[in-house]
């Protein structure tokens, strides 16, 4: 999972230093890494069940407004 931080005008932020936390409704998300370039990454591990995983997060305790979804299917 990669998060690109944007400023209030929608421009990419080019530095790190924020506190990003990511959560999922299905599966697991590993530790978030600050890449010090405005992006943050974490490894998503899928669940063993079929469904839709919704990824949510916060930046400095403020809710990130764009959620992501991952569709998990058999086989």
Protein backbone atom coordinates (compact mmCIF):
# COMPACT_ATOMS: atom_id res chain seq x y z
CA UNK A 1 0.00 0.00 0.00
CA UNK A 2 1.38 3.45 -0.88
CA UNK A 3 0.01 6.73 0.46
CA UNK A 4 0.94 9.98 -1.33
CA UNK A 5 0.39 13.03 0.88
CA UNK A 6 -1.06 16.10 -0.83
CA UNK A 7 -1.38 19.70 0.32
CA UNK A 8 -4.65 21.65 0.52
CA UNK A 9 -4.35 22.51 -3.21
CA UNK A 10 -4.00 18.87 -4.25
CA UNK A 11 -0.25 19.09 -4.95
CA UNK A 12 2.04 16.25 -3.91
CA UNK A 13 3.98 16.90 -0.70
CA UNK A 14 7.68 16.16 -1.22
CA UNK A 15 8.86 15.56 2.35
CA UNK A 16 8.07 13.15 5.15
CA UNK A 17 7.82 13.49 8.88
CA UNK A 18 4.12 12.81 9.33
CA UNK A 19 2.59 10.00 11.35
CA UNK A 20 0.58 7.74 9.02
CA UNK A 21 -1.49 4.86 10.37
CA UNK A 22 -3.31 2.43 8.06
CA UNK A 23 -6.08 -0.03 8.91
CA UNK A 24 -7.95 -2.70 7.00
CA UNK A 25 -11.33 -4.33 7.45
CA UNK A 26 -10.01 -7.66 6.11
CA UNK A 27 -6.44 -9.00 6.19
CA UNK A 28 -3.44 -7.31 7.80
CA UNK A 29 -1.30 -4.24 7.17
CA UNK A 30 2.31 -4.17 8.33
CA UNK A 31 4.29 -1.30 9.77
CA UNK A 32 4.06 1.95 7.79
CA UNK A 33 7.40 3.25 6.46
CA UNK A 34 8.01 6.97 5.88
CA UNK A 35 9.95 7.27 2.61
CA UNK A 36 10.82 10.93 3.39
CA UNK A 37 9.49 12.04 0.00
CA UNK A 38 5.81 12.54 0.80
CA UNK A 39 5.01 8.85 0.40
CA UNK A 40 4.41 6.18 3.01
CA UNK A 41 4.34 2.44 2.31
CA UNK A 42 3.16 -0.70 4.08
CA UNK A 43 2.76 -4.36 3.12
CA UNK A 44 -0.82 -5.67 2.85
CA UNK A 45 -1.34 -9.37 3.58
CA UNK A 46 -4.62 -10.77 2.30
CA UNK A 47 -7.12 -12.60 4.44
CA UNK A 48 -7.98 -16.26 3.84
CA UNK A 49 -11.63 -15.35 3.24
CA UNK A 50 -13.38 -13.88 0.21
CA UNK A 51 -14.59 -10.30 0.49
CA UNK A 52 -13.69 -6.67 0.09
CA UNK A 53 -10.98 -5.15 2.24
CA UNK A 54 -11.42 -1.44 2.89
CA UNK A 55 -8.18 0.40 3.65
CA UNK A 56 -8.49 3.51 5.83
CA UNK A 57 -5.91 5.71 7.46
CA UNK A 58 -4.91 8.78 9.38
CA UNK A 59 -2.18 11.37 8.91
CA UNK A 60 -1.15 13.03 12.18
CA UNK A 61 -4.42 11.71 13.71
CA UNK A 62 -6.52 13.36 10.95
CA UNK A 63 -8.65 10.97 8.87
CA UNK A 64 -7.42 10.45 5.30
CA UNK A 65 -10.48 11.21 3.14
CA UNK A 66 -9.77 8.74 0.33
CA UNK A 67 -10.29 5.08 1.24
CA UNK A 68 -9.09 2.21 -0.94
CA UNK A 69 -10.72 -1.16 -1.56
CA UNK A 70 -9.18 -4.51 -2.44
CA UNK A 71 -11.39 -7.31 -3.76
CA UNK A 72 -10.37 -10.75 -2.44
CA UNK A 73 -11.49 -13.76 -4.48
CA UNK A 74 -10.87 -17.52 -4.50
CA UNK A 75 -8.39 -19.13 -6.82
